[in-house]
């Protein structure tokens, strides 16, 4: 299991930080969508399967130490995060809060 940074291919905004194993990576490449490994549920996680917020996989990169991945994706809709904003919409990124003082 390795960390996966999921990034919008157009805006370069980081959307999610998650994990993938060999099976998740193979499925992502086969299906052409963001497929991850849920460490809490210990099962395959197809991003968007429940919410409809699919992320089309455009490219996969590996870092220089070969211990993490980067999924470059194109969101089909506006949301990527499983949390909702005050209007009930999926947030575009899981990184919507700044630490105090920033």
N, C-alpha and C. Protein backbone atom coordinates (compact mmCIF):
# COMPACT_ATOMS: atom_id res chain seq x y z
N UNK A 1 0.86 -1.18 0.00
CA UNK A 1 0.00 0.00 0.00
C UNK A 1 0.89 1.24 0.00
N UNK A 2 0.65 2.13 -0.96
CA UNK A 2 1.44 3.37 -1.07
C UNK A 2 0.50 4.58 -1.09
N UNK A 3 0.99 5.74 -0.63
CA UNK A 3 0.19 6.97 -0.71
C UNK A 3 -0.01 7.39 -2.16
N UNK A 4 -1.18 7.98 -2.41
CA UNK A 4 -1.51 8.51 -3.73
C UNK A 4 -2.01 9.94 -3.58
N UNK A 5 -1.31 10.87 -4.18
CA UNK A 5 -1.82 12.24 -4.28
C UNK A 5 -2.68 12.29 -5.53
N UNK A 6 -3.90 12.79 -5.38
CA UNK A 6 -4.82 12.90 -6.51
C UNK A 6 -4.93 14.38 -6.85
N UNK A 7 -4.56 14.72 -8.09
CA UNK A 7 -4.43 16.11 -8.49
C UNK A 7 -5.21 16.37 -9.77
N UNK A 8 -5.87 17.53 -9.84
CA UNK A 8 -6.60 17.94 -11.03
C UNK A 8 -5.59 18.21 -12.15
N UNK A 9 -5.75 17.54 -13.27
CA UNK A 9 -4.81 17.64 -14.38
C UNK A 9 -4.77 19.05 -14.98
N UNK A 10 -5.86 19.80 -14.89
CA UNK A 10 -5.91 21.14 -15.48
C UNK A 10 -5.46 22.23 -14.51
N UNK A 11 -6.01 22.22 -13.29
CA UNK A 11 -5.71 23.29 -12.33
C UNK A 11 -4.50 22.98 -11.47
N UNK A 12 -4.11 21.71 -11.40
CA UNK A 12 -3.02 21.22 -10.54
C UNK A 12 -3.36 21.31 -9.05
N UNK A 13 -4.62 21.54 -8.73
CA UNK A 13 -5.05 21.53 -7.33
C UNK A 13 -5.01 20.10 -6.79
N UNK A 14 -4.49 19.94 -5.58
CA UNK A 14 -4.50 18.63 -4.93
C UNK A 14 -5.91 18.40 -4.40
N UNK A 15 -6.51 17.29 -4.80
CA UNK A 15 -7.90 17.00 -4.44
C UNK A 15 -8.00 16.09 -3.22
N UNK A 16 -7.21 15.05 -3.20
CA UNK A 16 -7.31 14.00 -2.18
C UNK A 16 -5.91 13.44 -1.94
N UNK A 17 -5.67 12.97 -0.73
CA UNK A 17 -4.52 12.12 -0.45
C UNK A 17 -5.08 10.81 0.06
N UNK A 18 -4.77 9.73 -0.63
CA UNK A 18 -5.34 8.42 -0.29
C UNK A 18 -4.26 7.35 -0.48
N UNK A 19 -4.68 6.12 -0.67
CA UNK A 19 -3.75 4.99 -0.79
C UNK A 19 -4.18 4.07 -1.92
N UNK A 20 -3.21 3.35 -2.45
CA UNK A 20 -3.49 2.32 -3.47
C UNK A 20 -2.57 1.14 -3.24
N UNK A 21 -3.10 -0.03 -3.55
CA UNK A 21 -2.27 -1.23 -3.60
C UNK A 21 -2.16 -1.63 -5.08
N UNK A 22 -1.50 -2.73 -5.35
CA UNK A 22 -1.31 -3.16 -6.74
C UNK A 22 -2.64 -3.37 -7.46
N UNK A 23 -3.61 -3.95 -6.75
CA UNK A 23 -4.92 -4.21 -7.35
C UNK A 23 -5.63 -2.90 -7.69
N UNK A 24 -5.62 -1.94 -6.77
CA UNK A 24 -6.28 -0.65 -7.02
C UNK A 24 -5.64 0.06 -8.22
N UNK A 25 -4.32 0.04 -8.28
CA UNK A 25 -3.62 0.67 -9.40
C UNK A 25 -3.97 0.00 -10.72
N UNK A 26 -3.98 -1.31 -10.73
CA UNK A 26 -4.34 -2.04 -11.96
C UNK A 26 -5.77 -1.73 -12.39
N UNK A 27 -6.68 -1.68 -11.43
CA UNK A 27 -8.09 -1.37 -11.75
C UNK A 27 -8.24 0.06 -12.24
N UNK A 28 -7.52 0.99 -11.64
CA UNK A 28 -7.57 2.39 -12.07
C UNK A 28 -7.13 2.51 -13.53
N UNK A 29 -6.04 1.85 -13.86
CA UNK A 29 -5.53 1.91 -15.22
C UNK A 29 -6.47 1.20 -16.20
N UNK A 30 -7.06 0.10 -15.77
CA UNK A 30 -7.98 -0.65 -16.64
C UNK A 30 -9.27 0.12 -16.88
N UNK A 31 -9.84 0.70 -15.81
CA UNK A 31 -11.13 1.39 -15.90
C UNK A 31 -11.02 2.84 -16.38
N UNK A 32 -9.85 3.45 -16.18
CA UNK A 32 -9.68 4.85 -16.57
C UNK A 32 -10.30 5.84 -15.61
N UNK A 33 -10.53 5.40 -14.37
CA UNK A 33 -11.04 6.29 -13.32
C UNK A 33 -10.20 6.11 -12.06
N UNK A 34 -10.38 7.01 -11.13
CA UNK A 34 -9.64 6.96 -9.87
C UNK A 34 -10.13 5.80 -9.01
N UNK A 35 -9.26 4.81 -8.84
CA UNK A 35 -9.55 3.66 -7.98
C UNK A 35 -8.46 3.62 -6.92
N UNK A 36 -8.88 3.51 -5.67
CA UNK A 36 -7.97 3.56 -4.53
C UNK A 36 -8.21 2.37 -3.62
N UNK A 37 -7.42 2.29 -2.56
CA UNK A 37 -7.61 1.26 -1.55
C UNK A 37 -8.04 1.94 -0.26
N UNK A 38 -9.21 1.58 0.24
CA UNK A 38 -9.69 2.13 1.51
C UNK A 38 -9.01 1.40 2.65
N UNK A 39 -8.15 2.11 3.37
CA UNK A 39 -7.44 1.49 4.48
C UNK A 39 -8.36 1.25 5.67
N UNK A 40 -9.41 2.06 5.82
CA UNK A 40 -10.34 1.87 6.94
C UNK A 40 -11.30 0.72 6.69
N UNK A 41 -11.77 0.58 5.44
CA UNK A 41 -12.71 -0.50 5.11
C UNK A 41 -12.01 -1.73 4.56
N UNK A 42 -10.73 -1.57 4.23
CA UNK A 42 -9.93 -2.65 3.66
C UNK A 42 -10.56 -3.26 2.41
N UNK A 43 -10.93 -2.36 1.50
CA UNK A 43 -11.49 -2.81 0.23
C UNK A 43 -11.26 -1.76 -0.84
N UNK A 44 -11.47 -2.17 -2.08
CA UNK A 44 -11.32 -1.29 -3.23
C UNK A 44 -12.30 -0.13 -3.12
N UNK A 45 -11.84 1.06 -3.50
CA UNK A 45 -12.67 2.26 -3.43
C UNK A 45 -12.63 2.93 -4.80
N UNK A 46 -13.74 2.86 -5.52
CA UNK A 46 -13.87 3.55 -6.80
C UNK A 46 -14.45 4.92 -6.50
N UNK A 47 -13.62 5.96 -6.63
CA UNK A 47 -14.06 7.31 -6.29
C UNK A 47 -15.19 7.71 -7.22
N UNK A 48 -16.33 8.05 -6.63
CA UNK A 48 -17.50 8.45 -7.40
C UNK A 48 -18.58 7.39 -7.48
N UNK A 49 -18.27 6.17 -7.09
CA UNK A 49 -19.25 5.09 -7.18
C UNK A 49 -20.49 5.38 -6.35
N UNK A 50 -20.32 5.99 -5.19
CA UNK A 50 -21.46 6.33 -4.33
C UNK A 50 -21.96 7.74 -4.60
N UNK A 51 -21.04 8.70 -4.70
CA UNK A 51 -21.39 10.12 -4.81
C UNK A 51 -21.69 10.57 -6.23
N UNK A 52 -21.19 9.86 -7.21
CA UNK A 52 -21.29 10.31 -8.59
C UNK A 52 -20.16 11.23 -9.01
N UNK A 53 -19.28 11.56 -8.06
CA UNK A 53 -18.16 12.47 -8.33
C UNK A 53 -16.95 11.68 -8.84
N UNK A 54 -17.10 11.10 -10.02
CA UNK A 54 -16.02 10.31 -10.61
C UNK A 54 -14.86 11.22 -11.02
N UNK A 55 -13.67 10.67 -10.95
CA UNK A 55 -12.46 11.36 -11.38
C UNK A 55 -11.83 10.53 -12.49
N UNK A 56 -11.88 11.03 -13.71
CA UNK A 56 -11.31 10.30 -14.85
C UNK A 56 -9.79 10.36 -14.78
N UNK A 57 -9.17 9.20 -14.84
CA UNK A 57 -7.71 9.08 -14.73
C UNK A 57 -7.05 9.43 -16.06
N UNK A 58 -6.18 10.42 -16.04
CA UNK A 58 -5.48 10.86 -17.25
C UNK A 58 -4.04 10.37 -17.30
N UNK A 59 -3.41 10.26 -16.12
CA UNK A 59 -2.01 9.84 -16.09
C UNK A 59 -1.67 9.39 -14.68
N UNK A 60 -0.74 8.44 -14.57
CA UNK A 60 -0.22 8.01 -13.27
C UNK A 60 1.28 8.24 -13.29
N UNK A 61 1.77 8.88 -12.23
CA UNK A 61 3.22 9.10 -12.09
C UNK A 61 3.69 8.48 -10.79
N UNK A 62 4.96 8.09 -10.77
CA UNK A 62 5.58 7.54 -9.57
C UNK A 62 6.68 8.51 -9.15
N UNK A 63 6.90 8.67 -7.85
CA UNK A 63 7.93 9.61 -7.39
C UNK A 63 9.33 9.02 -7.55
N UNK A 64 10.34 9.86 -7.28
CA UNK A 64 11.74 9.46 -7.50
C UNK A 64 12.17 8.29 -6.63
N UNK A 65 11.58 8.15 -5.44
CA UNK A 65 11.93 7.03 -4.55
C UNK A 65 11.05 5.80 -4.79
N UNK A 66 10.10 5.93 -5.70
CA UNK A 66 9.18 4.86 -6.06
C UNK A 66 8.41 4.33 -4.85
N UNK A 67 7.98 5.28 -3.99
CA UNK A 67 7.20 4.87 -2.81
C UNK A 67 5.89 5.63 -2.68
N UNK A 68 5.52 6.40 -3.71
CA UNK A 68 4.21 7.04 -3.74
C UNK A 68 3.83 7.30 -5.19
N UNK A 69 2.53 7.54 -5.39
CA UNK A 69 2.00 7.76 -6.73
C UNK A 69 1.30 9.11 -6.81
N UNK A 70 1.18 9.59 -8.03
CA UNK A 70 0.40 10.78 -8.34
C UNK A 70 -0.60 10.39 -9.42
N UNK A 71 -1.89 10.54 -9.11
CA UNK A 71 -2.94 10.35 -10.11
C UNK A 71 -3.30 11.74 -10.63
N UNK A 72 -3.14 11.97 -11.91
CA UNK A 72 -3.62 13.19 -12.54
C UNK A 72 -5.00 12.87 -13.11
N UNK A 73 -6.00 13.62 -12.65
CA UNK A 73 -7.39 13.29 -12.96
C UNK A 73 -8.14 14.50 -13.51
N UNK A 74 -9.25 14.20 -14.17
CA UNK A 74 -10.18 15.24 -14.62
C UNK A 74 -11.52 14.95 -13.95
N UNK A 75 -11.95 15.81 -13.01
CA UNK A 75 -13.24 15.59 -12.36
C UNK A 75 -14.40 15.69 -13.36
N UNK A 76 -15.35 14.79 -13.24
CA UNK A 76 -16.53 14.85 -14.11
C UNK A 76 -17.51 15.92 -13.64
N UNK A 77 -17.52 16.15 -12.32
CA UNK A 77 -18.40 17.18 -11.74
C UNK A 77 -17.53 18.09 -10.88
N UNK A 78 -18.16 18.96 -10.13
CA UNK A 78 -17.42 19.97 -9.34
C UNK A 78 -16.78 19.40 -8.08
N UNK A 79 -17.28 18.28 -7.57
CA UNK A 79 -16.82 17.79 -6.28
C UNK A 79 -15.83 16.65 -6.35
N UNK A 80 -14.96 16.60 -5.32
CA UNK A 80 -14.04 15.47 -5.16
C UNK A 80 -14.06 14.97 -3.73
N UNK A 81 -14.30 15.87 -2.77
CA UNK A 81 -14.29 15.52 -1.35
C UNK A 81 -15.64 14.91 -0.95
N UNK A 82 -15.61 13.99 0.01
CA UNK A 82 -16.86 13.38 0.47
C UNK A 82 -17.62 14.30 1.42
N UNK A 83 -16.98 15.38 1.91
CA UNK A 83 -17.69 16.33 2.78
C UNK A 83 -18.44 17.33 1.91
N UNK A 84 -19.42 17.95 2.52
CA UNK A 84 -20.27 18.92 1.81
C UNK A 84 -20.02 20.33 2.34
N UNK A 85 -20.26 21.32 1.49
CA UNK A 85 -20.16 22.71 1.94
C UNK A 85 -21.49 23.11 2.59
N UNK A 86 -21.59 24.38 2.99
CA UNK A 86 -22.79 24.85 3.70
C UNK A 86 -24.05 24.79 2.84
N UNK A 87 -23.90 24.67 1.52
CA UNK A 87 -25.05 24.55 0.62
C UNK A 87 -25.35 23.10 0.24
N UNK A 88 -24.60 22.16 0.85
CA UNK A 88 -24.85 20.74 0.60
C UNK A 88 -24.15 20.18 -0.63
N UNK A 89 -23.22 20.93 -1.20
CA UNK A 89 -22.50 20.48 -2.39
C UNK A 89 -21.18 19.82 -1.99
N UNK A 90 -20.78 18.84 -2.76
CA UNK A 90 -19.47 18.23 -2.54
C UNK A 90 -18.39 19.27 -2.75
N UNK A 91 -17.40 19.28 -1.85
CA UNK A 91 -16.30 20.22 -2.00
C UNK A 91 -15.38 19.78 -3.14
N UNK A 92 -14.77 20.75 -3.81
CA UNK A 92 -13.88 20.46 -4.94
C UNK A 92 -12.63 19.71 -4.50
N UNK A 93 -12.17 19.99 -3.27
CA UNK A 93 -10.94 19.39 -2.75
C UNK A 93 -11.12 19.08 -1.28
N UNK A 94 -10.40 18.09 -0.80
CA UNK A 94 -10.40 17.79 0.64
C UNK A 94 -9.56 18.81 1.41
N UNK A 95 -8.81 19.63 0.71
CA UNK A 95 -7.93 20.63 1.34
C UNK A 95 -8.58 22.00 1.28
N UNK A 96 -9.67 22.18 2.01
CA UNK A 96 -10.42 23.43 1.99
C UNK A 96 -10.24 24.24 3.27
N UNK A 97 -9.50 23.73 4.26
CA UNK A 97 -9.30 24.44 5.52
C UNK A 97 -7.82 24.80 5.70
N UNK A 98 -7.57 26.04 6.08
CA UNK A 98 -6.20 26.46 6.42
C UNK A 98 -6.00 26.28 7.92
N UNK A 99 -4.78 25.94 8.31
CA UNK A 99 -4.46 25.87 9.73
C UNK A 99 -4.53 27.26 10.32
N UNK A 100 -4.90 27.38 11.59
CA UNK A 100 -4.95 28.68 12.25
C UNK A 100 -3.63 29.40 12.09
N UNK A 101 -3.71 30.68 11.78
CA UNK A 101 -2.51 31.49 11.62
C UNK A 101 -1.98 31.54 10.21
N UNK A 102 -2.56 30.77 9.31
CA UNK A 102 -2.10 30.79 7.91
C UNK A 102 -2.97 31.69 7.06
